Amino acid sequence: IMRKRGESRQTIIDKRLDQLLREAEGLGWTPPHGTPG
């Protein structure tokens, strides 16, 4: 898993960046209130 993550490092970072920016813009997927992520 660590090897695969290392190979996919930039893709993982890019996707997480996109996710965080979408959430900051109010475009993220939010779970129902009181539900853990």
All heavy atoms as atom14 arrays in JSON, in Angstrom:
{
  "sequence": "IMRKRGESRQTIIDKRLDQLLREAEGLGWTPPHGTPG",
  "atom14_mask": [
    [1, 1, 1, 1, 1, 1, 1, 1, 0, 0, 0, 0, 0, 0],
    [1, 1, 1, 1, 1, 1, 1, 1, 0, 0, 0, 0, 0, 0],
    [1, 1, 1, 1, 1, 1, 1, 1, 1, 1, 1, 0, 0, 0],
    [1, 1, 1, 1, 1, 1, 1, 1, 1, 0, 0, 0, 0, 0],
    [1, 1, 1, 1, 1, 1, 1, 1, 1, 1, 1, 0, 0, 0],
    [1, 1, 1, 1, 0, 0, 0, 0, 0, 0, 0, 0, 0, 0],
    [1, 1, 1, 1, 1, 1, 1, 1, 1, 0, 0, 0, 0, 0],
    [1, 1, 1, 1, 1, 1, 0, 0, 0, 0, 0, 0, 0, 0],
    [1, 1, 1, 1, 1, 1, 1, 1, 1, 1, 1, 0, 0, 0],
    [1, 1, 1, 1, 1, 1, 1, 1, 1, 0, 0, 0, 0, 0],
    [1, 1, 1, 1, 1, 1, 1, 0, 0, 0, 0, 0, 0, 0],
    [1, 1, 1, 1, 1, 1, 1, 1, 0, 0, 0, 0, 0, 0],
    [1, 1, 1, 1, 1, 1, 1, 1, 0, 0, 0, 0, 0, 0],
    [1, 1, 1, 1, 1, 1, 1, 1, 0, 0, 0, 0, 0, 0],
    [1, 1, 1, 1, 1, 1, 1, 1, 1, 0, 0, 0, 0, 0],
    [1, 1, 1, 1, 1, 1, 1, 1, 1, 1, 1, 0, 0, 0],
    [1, 1, 1, 1, 1, 1, 1, 1, 0, 0, 0, 0, 0, 0],
    [1, 1, 1, 1, 1, 1, 1, 1, 0, 0, 0, 0, 0, 0],
    [1, 1, 1, 1, 1, 1, 1, 1, 1, 0, 0, 0, 0, 0],
    [1, 1, 1, 1, 1, 1, 1, 1, 0, 0, 0, 0, 0, 0],
    [1, 1, 1, 1, 1, 1, 1, 1, 0, 0, 0, 0, 0, 0],
    [1, 1, 1, 1, 1, 1, 1, 1, 1, 1, 1, 0, 0, 0],
    [1, 1, 1, 1, 1, 1, 1, 1, 1, 0, 0, 0, 0, 0],
    [1, 1, 1, 1, 1, 0, 0, 0, 0, 0, 0, 0, 0, 0],
    [1, 1, 1, 1, 1, 1, 1, 1, 1, 0, 0, 0, 0, 0],
    [1, 1, 1, 1, 0, 0, 0, 0, 0, 0, 0, 0, 0, 0],
    [1, 1, 1, 1, 1, 1, 1, 1, 0, 0, 0, 0, 0, 0],
    [1, 1, 1, 1, 0, 0, 0, 0, 0, 0, 0, 0, 0, 0],
    [1, 1, 1, 1, 1, 1, 1, 1, 1, 1, 1, 1, 1, 1],
    [1, 1, 1, 1, 1, 1, 1, 0, 0, 0, 0, 0, 0, 0],
    [1, 1, 1, 1, 1, 1, 1, 0, 0, 0, 0, 0, 0, 0],
    [1, 1, 1, 1, 1, 1, 1, 0, 0, 0, 0, 0, 0, 0],
    [1, 1, 1, 1, 1, 1, 1, 1, 1, 1, 0, 0, 0, 0],
    [1, 1, 1, 1, 0, 0, 0, 0, 0, 0, 0, 0, 0, 0],
    [1, 1, 1, 1, 1, 1, 1, 0, 0, 0, 0, 0, 0, 0],
    [1, 1, 1, 1, 1, 1, 1, 0, 0, 0, 0, 0, 0, 0],
    [1, 1, 1, 1, 0, 0, 0, 0, 0, 0, 0, 0, 0, 0]
  ],
  "atom14_positions": [
    [[0.84, -1.2, 0.0], [0.0, 0.0, 0.0], [0.88, 1.25, 0.0], [0.62, 2.2, -0.74], [-0.97, -0.01, 1.2], [-2.04, -1.08, 1.0], [-1.61, 1.37, 1.41], [-2.9, -1.34, 2.21], [0.0, 0.0, 0.0], [0.0, 0.0, 0.0], [0.0, 0.0, 0.0], [0.0, 0.0, 0.0], [0.0, 0.0, 0.0], [0.0, 0.0, 0.0]],
    [[1.93, 1.24, 0.82], [2.82, 2.4, 0.87], [3.52, 2.6, -0.48], [3.68, 3.74, -0.92], [3.86, 2.23, 1.99], [3.27, 2.27, 3.4], [2.48, 3.84, 3.77], [3.89, 4.93, 3.75], [0.0, 0.0, 0.0], [0.0, 0.0, 0.0], [0.0, 0.0, 0.0], [0.0, 0.0, 0.0], [0.0, 0.0, 0.0], [0.0, 0.0, 0.0]],
    [[3.91, 1.53, -1.12], [4.55, 1.62, -2.44], [3.58, 2.23, -3.45], [3.91, 3.17, -4.18], [5.01, 0.24, -2.91], [5.69, 0.26, -4.29], [5.98, -1.13, -4.81], [4.84, -2.06, -4.75], [3.81, -2.05, -5.6], [3.75, -1.16, -6.56], [2.84, -2.93, -5.46], [0.0, 0.0, 0.0], [0.0, 0.0, 0.0], [0.0, 0.0, 0.0]],
    [[2.34, 1.73, -3.44], [1.32, 2.25, -4.37], [1.03, 3.73, -4.1], [0.87, 4.52, -5.02], [0.04, 1.43, -4.26], [0.14, 0.05, -4.86], [-1.14, -0.72, -4.64], [-1.02, -2.17, -5.11], [-2.22, -2.95, -4.79], [0.0, 0.0, 0.0], [0.0, 0.0, 0.0], [0.0, 0.0, 0.0], [0.0, 0.0, 0.0], [0.0, 0.0, 0.0]],
    [[0.96, 4.08, -2.82], [0.72, 5.48, -2.46], [1.89, 6.35, -2.93], [1.68, 7.46, -3.41], [0.51, 5.64, -0.96], [-0.85, 5.14, -0.48], [-1.05, 5.38, 1.02], [-0.92, 6.77, 1.4], [-1.87, 7.7, 1.26], [-3.03, 7.36, 0.74], [-1.66, 8.94, 1.62], [0.0, 0.0, 0.0], [0.0, 0.0, 0.0], [0.0, 0.0, 0.0]],
    [[3.1, 5.83, -2.78], [4.27, 6.58, -3.24], [4.23, 6.8, -4.74], [4.54, 7.9, -5.23], [0.0, 0.0, 0.0], [0.0, 0.0, 0.0], [0.0, 0.0, 0.0], [0.0, 0.0, 0.0], [0.0, 0.0, 0.0], [0.0, 0.0, 0.0], [0.0, 0.0, 0.0], [0.0, 0.0, 0.0], [0.0, 0.0, 0.0], [0.0, 0.0, 0.0]],
    [[3.83, 5.77, -5.47], [3.72, 5.86, -6.93], [2.61, 6.82, -7.34], [2.68, 7.44, -8.41], [3.47, 4.47, -7.54], [4.65, 3.53, -7.41], [4.3, 2.09, -7.79], [3.13, 1.79, -8.1], [5.22, 1.25, -7.73], [0.0, 0.0, 0.0], [0.0, 0.0, 0.0], [0.0, 0.0, 0.0], [0.0, 0.0, 0.0], [0.0, 0.0, 0.0]],
    [[1.6, 6.95, -6.51], [0.44, 7.8, -6.83], [0.46, 9.1, -6.04], [-0.56, 9.78, -5.92], [-0.86, 7.04, -6.51], [-0.94, 5.86, -7.26], [0.0, 0.0, 0.0], [0.0, 0.0, 0.0], [0.0, 0.0, 0.0], [0.0, 0.0, 0.0], [0.0, 0.0, 0.0], [0.0, 0.0, 0.0], [0.0, 0.0, 0.0], [0.0, 0.0, 0.0]],
    [[1.61, 9.46, -5.52], [1.74, 10.61, -4.63], [1.08, 11.87, -5.21], [0.23, 12.49, -4.58], [3.22, 10.88, -4.36], [3.49, 12.07, -3.47], [5.01, 12.24, -3.28], [5.29, 13.29, -2.34], [5.42, 14.58, -2.68], [5.28, 14.95, -3.94], [5.68, 15.48, -1.76], [0.0, 0.0, 0.0], [0.0, 0.0, 0.0], [0.0, 0.0, 0.0]],
    [[1.48, 12.26, -6.41], [0.98, 13.51, -6.97], [-0.52, 13.46, -7.23], [-1.24, 14.42, -6.98], [1.74, 13.89, -8.25], [1.53, 15.34, -8.66], [1.93, 16.32, -7.55], [3.03, 16.24, -7.01], [1.03, 17.24, -7.21], [0.0, 0.0, 0.0], [0.0, 0.0, 0.0], [0.0, 0.0, 0.0], [0.0, 0.0, 0.0], [0.0, 0.0, 0.0]],
    [[-1.02, 12.32, -7.69], [-2.46, 12.17, -7.93], [-3.23, 12.32, -6.62], [-4.26, 13.0, -6.57], [-2.75, 10.8, -8.56], [-2.02, 10.7, -9.78], [-4.23, 10.61, -8.81], [0.0, 0.0, 0.0], [0.0, 0.0, 0.0], [0.0, 0.0, 0.0], [0.0, 0.0, 0.0], [0.0, 0.0, 0.0], [0.0, 0.0, 0.0], [0.0, 0.0, 0.0]],
    [[-2.73, 11.69, -5.55], [-3.4, 11.77, -4.24], [-3.41, 13.22, -3.76], [-4.45, 13.73, -3.3], [-2.69, 10.86, -3.23], [-2.89, 9.38, -3.62], [-3.21, 11.11, -1.82], [-2.02, 8.4, -2.85], [0.0, 0.0, 0.0], [0.0, 0.0, 0.0], [0.0, 0.0, 0.0], [0.0, 0.0, 0.0], [0.0, 0.0, 0.0], [0.0, 0.0, 0.0]],
    [[-2.28, 13.9, -3.89], [-2.2, 15.3, -3.44], [-3.14, 16.18, -4.26], [-3.88, 17.0, -3.71], [-0.74, 15.81, -3.53], [0.12, 15.08, -2.49], [-0.67, 17.32, -3.34], [1.61, 15.29, -2.66], [0.0, 0.0, 0.0], [0.0, 0.0, 0.0], [0.0, 0.0, 0.0], [0.0, 0.0, 0.0], [0.0, 0.0, 0.0], [0.0, 0.0, 0.0]],
    [[-3.12, 16.0, -5.58], [-3.99, 16.81, -6.46], [-5.46, 16.6, -6.13], [-6.24, 17.56, -6.08], [-3.72, 16.48, -7.92], [-2.36, 16.96, -8.41], [-1.73, 17.8, -7.72], [-1.92, 16.49, -9.48], [0.0, 0.0, 0.0], [0.0, 0.0, 0.0], [0.0, 0.0, 0.0], [0.0, 0.0, 0.0], [0.0, 0.0, 0.0], [0.0, 0.0, 0.0]],
    [[-5.85, 15.36, -5.92], [-7.26, 15.07, -5.61], [-7.66, 15.65, -4.26], [-8.77, 16.18, -4.1], [-7.53, 13.57, -5.66], [-7.57, 13.05, -7.08], [-7.98, 11.6, -7.14], [-8.08, 11.17, -8.61], [-8.66, 9.86, -8.75], [0.0, 0.0, 0.0], [0.0, 0.0, 0.0], [0.0, 0.0, 0.0], [0.0, 0.0, 0.0], [0.0, 0.0, 0.0]],
    [[-6.76, 15.56, -3.28], [-7.06, 16.11, -1.96], [-7.14, 17.64, -2.04], [-8.02, 18.25, -1.43], [-6.01, 15.67, -0.94], [-6.23, 16.19, 0.45], [-7.52, 15.66, 1.07], [-7.6, 16.09, 2.46], [-8.73, 16.33, 3.1], [-9.89, 16.12, 2.49], [-8.72, 16.73, 4.34], [0.0, 0.0, 0.0], [0.0, 0.0, 0.0], [0.0, 0.0, 0.0]],
    [[-6.25, 18.25, -2.79], [-6.28, 19.7, -2.98], [-7.62, 20.11, -3.6], [-8.28, 21.04, -3.13], [-5.11, 20.15, -3.86], [-5.09, 21.62, -4.26], [-4.94, 22.52, -3.03], [-3.97, 21.88, -5.25], [0.0, 0.0, 0.0], [0.0, 0.0, 0.0], [0.0, 0.0, 0.0], [0.0, 0.0, 0.0], [0.0, 0.0, 0.0], [0.0, 0.0, 0.0]],
    [[-8.02, 19.4, -4.65], [-9.3, 19.68, -5.31], [-10.46, 19.54, -4.33], [-11.35, 20.38, -4.29], [-9.47, 18.74, -6.51], [-10.72, 19.05, -7.3], [-10.9, 20.23, -7.71], [-11.53, 18.11, -7.51], [0.0, 0.0, 0.0], [0.0, 0.0, 0.0], [0.0, 0.0, 0.0], [0.0, 0.0, 0.0], [0.0, 0.0, 0.0], [0.0, 0.0, 0.0]],
    [[-10.42, 18.46, -3.53], [-11.49, 18.23, -2.56], [-11.56, 19.37, -1.55], [-12.65, 19.88, -1.25], [-11.24, 16.9, -1.84], [-12.27, 16.58, -0.78], [-11.89, 15.36, 0.04], [-10.73, 14.98, 0.14], [-12.9, 14.74, 0.64], [0.0, 0.0, 0.0], [0.0, 0.0, 0.0], [0.0, 0.0, 0.0], [0.0, 0.0, 0.0], [0.0, 0.0, 0.0]],
    [[-10.42, 19.78, -1.01], [-10.4, 20.85, 0.0], [-10.88, 22.18, -0.59], [-11.64, 22.93, 0.05], [-9.0, 21.0, 0.59], [-8.53, 19.84, 1.46], [-7.05, 20.02, 1.81], [-9.37, 19.71, 2.71], [0.0, 0.0, 0.0], [0.0, 0.0, 0.0], [0.0, 0.0, 0.0], [0.0, 0.0, 0.0], [0.0, 0.0, 0.0], [0.0, 0.0, 0.0]],
    [[-10.45, 22.47, -1.8], [-10.87, 23.73, -2.44], [-12.37, 23.72, -2.75], [-13.05, 24.74, -2.57], [-10.05, 23.99, -3.7], [-8.54, 24.21, -3.47], [-7.81, 24.41, -4.79], [-8.31, 25.37, -2.51], [0.0, 0.0, 0.0], [0.0, 0.0, 0.0], [0.0, 0.0, 0.0], [0.0, 0.0, 0.0], [0.0, 0.0, 0.0], [0.0, 0.0, 0.0]],
    [[-12.89, 22.58, -3.18], [-14.34, 22.47, -3.43], [-15.12, 22.67, -2.13], [-16.13, 23.37, -2.11], [-14.69, 21.12, -4.04], [-14.35, 21.0, -5.49], [-14.7, 19.59, -5.98], [-14.4, 19.43, -7.36], [-15.26, 19.67, -8.36], [-16.49, 20.05, -8.08], [-14.9, 19.52, -9.6], [0.0, 0.0, 0.0], [0.0, 0.0, 0.0], [0.0, 0.0, 0.0]],
    [[-14.63, 22.06, -1.04], [-15.3, 22.23, 0.25], [-15.25, 23.68, 0.69], [-16.24, 24.21, 1.22], [-14.66, 21.31, 1.3], [-15.0, 19.85, 1.09], [-14.26, 18.91, 2.05], [-13.53, 19.4, 2.94], [-14.42, 17.69, 1.89], [0.0, 0.0, 0.0], [0.0, 0.0, 0.0], [0.0, 0.0, 0.0], [0.0, 0.0, 0.0], [0.0, 0.0, 0.0]],
    [[-14.1, 24.34, 0.46], [-13.97, 25.75, 0.83], [-14.94, 26.63, 0.04], [-15.41, 27.66, 0.54], [-12.53, 26.22, 0.61], [0.0, 0.0, 0.0], [0.0, 0.0, 0.0], [0.0, 0.0, 0.0], [0.0, 0.0, 0.0], [0.0, 0.0, 0.0], [0.0, 0.0, 0.0], [0.0, 0.0, 0.0], [0.0, 0.0, 0.0], [0.0, 0.0, 0.0]],
    [[-15.25, 26.21, -1.17], [-16.19, 26.96, -2.02], [-17.64, 26.53, -1.79], [-18.55, 27.01, -2.46], [-15.81, 26.77, -3.49], [-14.46, 27.38, -3.84], [-14.0, 27.02, -5.23], [-14.7, 26.26, -5.95], [-12.92, 27.48, -5.62], [0.0, 0.0, 0.0], [0.0, 0.0, 0.0], [0.0, 0.0, 0.0], [0.0, 0.0, 0.0], [0.0, 0.0, 0.0]],
    [[-17.84, 25.6, -0.86], [-19.2, 25.14, -0.57], [-19.7, 24.11, -1.56], [-20.89, 23.85, -1.64], [0.0, 0.0, 0.0], [0.0, 0.0, 0.0], [0.0, 0.0, 0.0], [0.0, 0.0, 0.0], [0.0, 0.0, 0.0], [0.0, 0.0, 0.0], [0.0, 0.0, 0.0], [0.0, 0.0, 0.0], [0.0, 0.0, 0.0], [0.0, 0.0, 0.0]],
    [[-18.79, 23.52, -2.33], [-19.2, 22.56, -3.35], [-18.86, 21.12, -2.97], [-18.95, 20.22, -3.79], [-18.51, 22.91, -4.69], [-18.81, 24.3, -5.22], [-17.96, 24.57, -6.45], [-20.29, 24.43, -5.54], [0.0, 0.0, 0.0], [0.0, 0.0, 0.0], [0.0, 0.0, 0.0], [0.0, 0.0, 0.0], [0.0, 0.0, 0.0], [0.0, 0.0, 0.0]],
    [[-18.48, 20.91, -1.72], [-18.1, 19.56, -1.29], [-19.31, 18.72, -0.92], [-20.44, 19.19, -0.87], [0.0, 0.0, 0.0], [0.0, 0.0, 0.0], [0.0, 0.0, 0.0], [0.0, 0.0, 0.0], [0.0, 0.0, 0.0], [0.0, 0.0, 0.0], [0.0, 0.0, 0.0], [0.0, 0.0, 0.0], [0.0, 0.0, 0.0], [0.0, 0.0, 0.0]],
    [[-19.05, 17.47, -0.69], [-20.09, 16.53, -0.28], [-20.07, 16.48, 1.23], [-19.1, 16.05, 1.82], [-19.79, 15.15, -0.86], [-20.89, 14.16, -0.62], [-21.13, 13.49, 0.54], [-21.88, 13.74, -1.54], [-22.21, 12.68, 0.4], [-22.69, 12.8, -0.88], [-22.16, 14.06, -2.86], [-23.77, 12.17, -1.49], [-23.22, 13.42, -3.46], [-24.03, 12.51, -2.79]],
    [[-21.13, 16.92, 1.85], [-21.14, 16.93, 3.31], [-22.09, 15.86, 3.82], [-23.2, 15.7, 3.32], [-21.59, 18.3, 3.85], [-22.81, 18.65, 3.24], [-20.55, 19.36, 3.58], [0.0, 0.0, 0.0], [0.0, 0.0, 0.0], [0.0, 0.0, 0.0], [0.0, 0.0, 0.0], [0.0, 0.0, 0.0], [0.0, 0.0, 0.0], [0.0, 0.0, 0.0]],
    [[-21.65, 15.1, 4.83], [-22.53, 14.08, 5.41], [-23.65, 14.74, 6.2], [-23.54, 15.91, 6.58], [-21.59, 13.29, 6.33], [-20.49, 14.23, 6.66], [-20.35, 15.16, 5.48], [0.0, 0.0, 0.0], [0.0, 0.0, 0.0], [0.0, 0.0, 0.0], [0.0, 0.0, 0.0], [0.0, 0.0, 0.0], [0.0, 0.0, 0.0], [0.0, 0.0, 0.0]],
    [[-24.72, 14.01, 6.46], [-25.8, 14.58, 7.28], [-25.25, 15.04, 8.62], [-24.29, 14.5, 9.14], [-26.76, 13.4, 7.47], [-26.44, 12.44, 6.36], [-25.0, 12.66, 6.03], [0.0, 0.0, 0.0], [0.0, 0.0, 0.0], [0.0, 0.0, 0.0], [0.0, 0.0, 0.0], [0.0, 0.0, 0.0], [0.0, 0.0, 0.0], [0.0, 0.0, 0.0]],
    [[-25.86, 16.06, 9.19], [-25.41, 16.63, 10.45], [-25.31, 15.57, 11.54], [-26.21, 14.76, 11.72], [-26.39, 17.74, 10.9], [-25.94, 18.44, 12.14], [-24.82, 19.25, 12.16], [-26.42, 18.41, 13.4], [-24.65, 19.7, 13.39], [-25.62, 19.21, 14.15], [0.0, 0.0, 0.0], [0.0, 0.0, 0.0], [0.0, 0.0, 0.0], [0.0, 0.0, 0.0]],
    [[-24.19, 15.57, 12.25], [-23.99, 14.62, 13.35], [-23.42, 13.28, 12.92], [-23.17, 12.41, 13.74], [0.0, 0.0, 0.0], [0.0, 0.0, 0.0], [0.0, 0.0, 0.0], [0.0, 0.0, 0.0], [0.0, 0.0, 0.0], [0.0, 0.0, 0.0], [0.0, 0.0, 0.0], [0.0, 0.0, 0.0], [0.0, 0.0, 0.0], [0.0, 0.0, 0.0]],
    [[-23.22, 13.11, 11.61], [-22.67, 11.85, 11.11], [-21.18, 12.03, 10.9], [-20.77, 12.98, 10.24], [-23.33, 11.47, 9.76], [-24.73, 11.43, 9.94], [-22.82, 10.12, 9.27], [0.0, 0.0, 0.0], [0.0, 0.0, 0.0], [0.0, 0.0, 0.0], [0.0, 0.0, 0.0], [0.0, 0.0, 0.0], [0.0, 0.0, 0.0], [0.0, 0.0, 0.0]],
    [[-20.36, 11.12, 11.45], [-18.93, 11.26, 11.23], [-18.59, 11.04, 9.76], [-19.31, 10.35, 9.04], [-18.3, 10.17, 12.11], [-19.4, 9.2, 12.37], [-20.7, 9.97, 12.26], [0.0, 0.0, 0.0], [0.0, 0.0, 0.0], [0.0, 0.0, 0.0], [0.0, 0.0, 0.0], [0.0, 0.0, 0.0], [0.0, 0.0, 0.0], [0.0, 0.0, 0.0]],
    [[-17.49, 11.64, 9.31], [-17.06, 11.49, 7.93], [-16.57, 10.08, 7.66], [-16.58, 9.22, 8.54], [0.0, 0.0, 0.0], [0.0, 0.0, 0.0], [0.0, 0.0, 0.0], [0.0, 0.0, 0.0], [0.0, 0.0, 0.0], [0.0, 0.0, 0.0], [0.0, 0.0, 0.0], [0.0, 0.0, 0.0], [0.0, 0.0, 0.0], [0.0, 0.0, 0.0]]
  ]
}
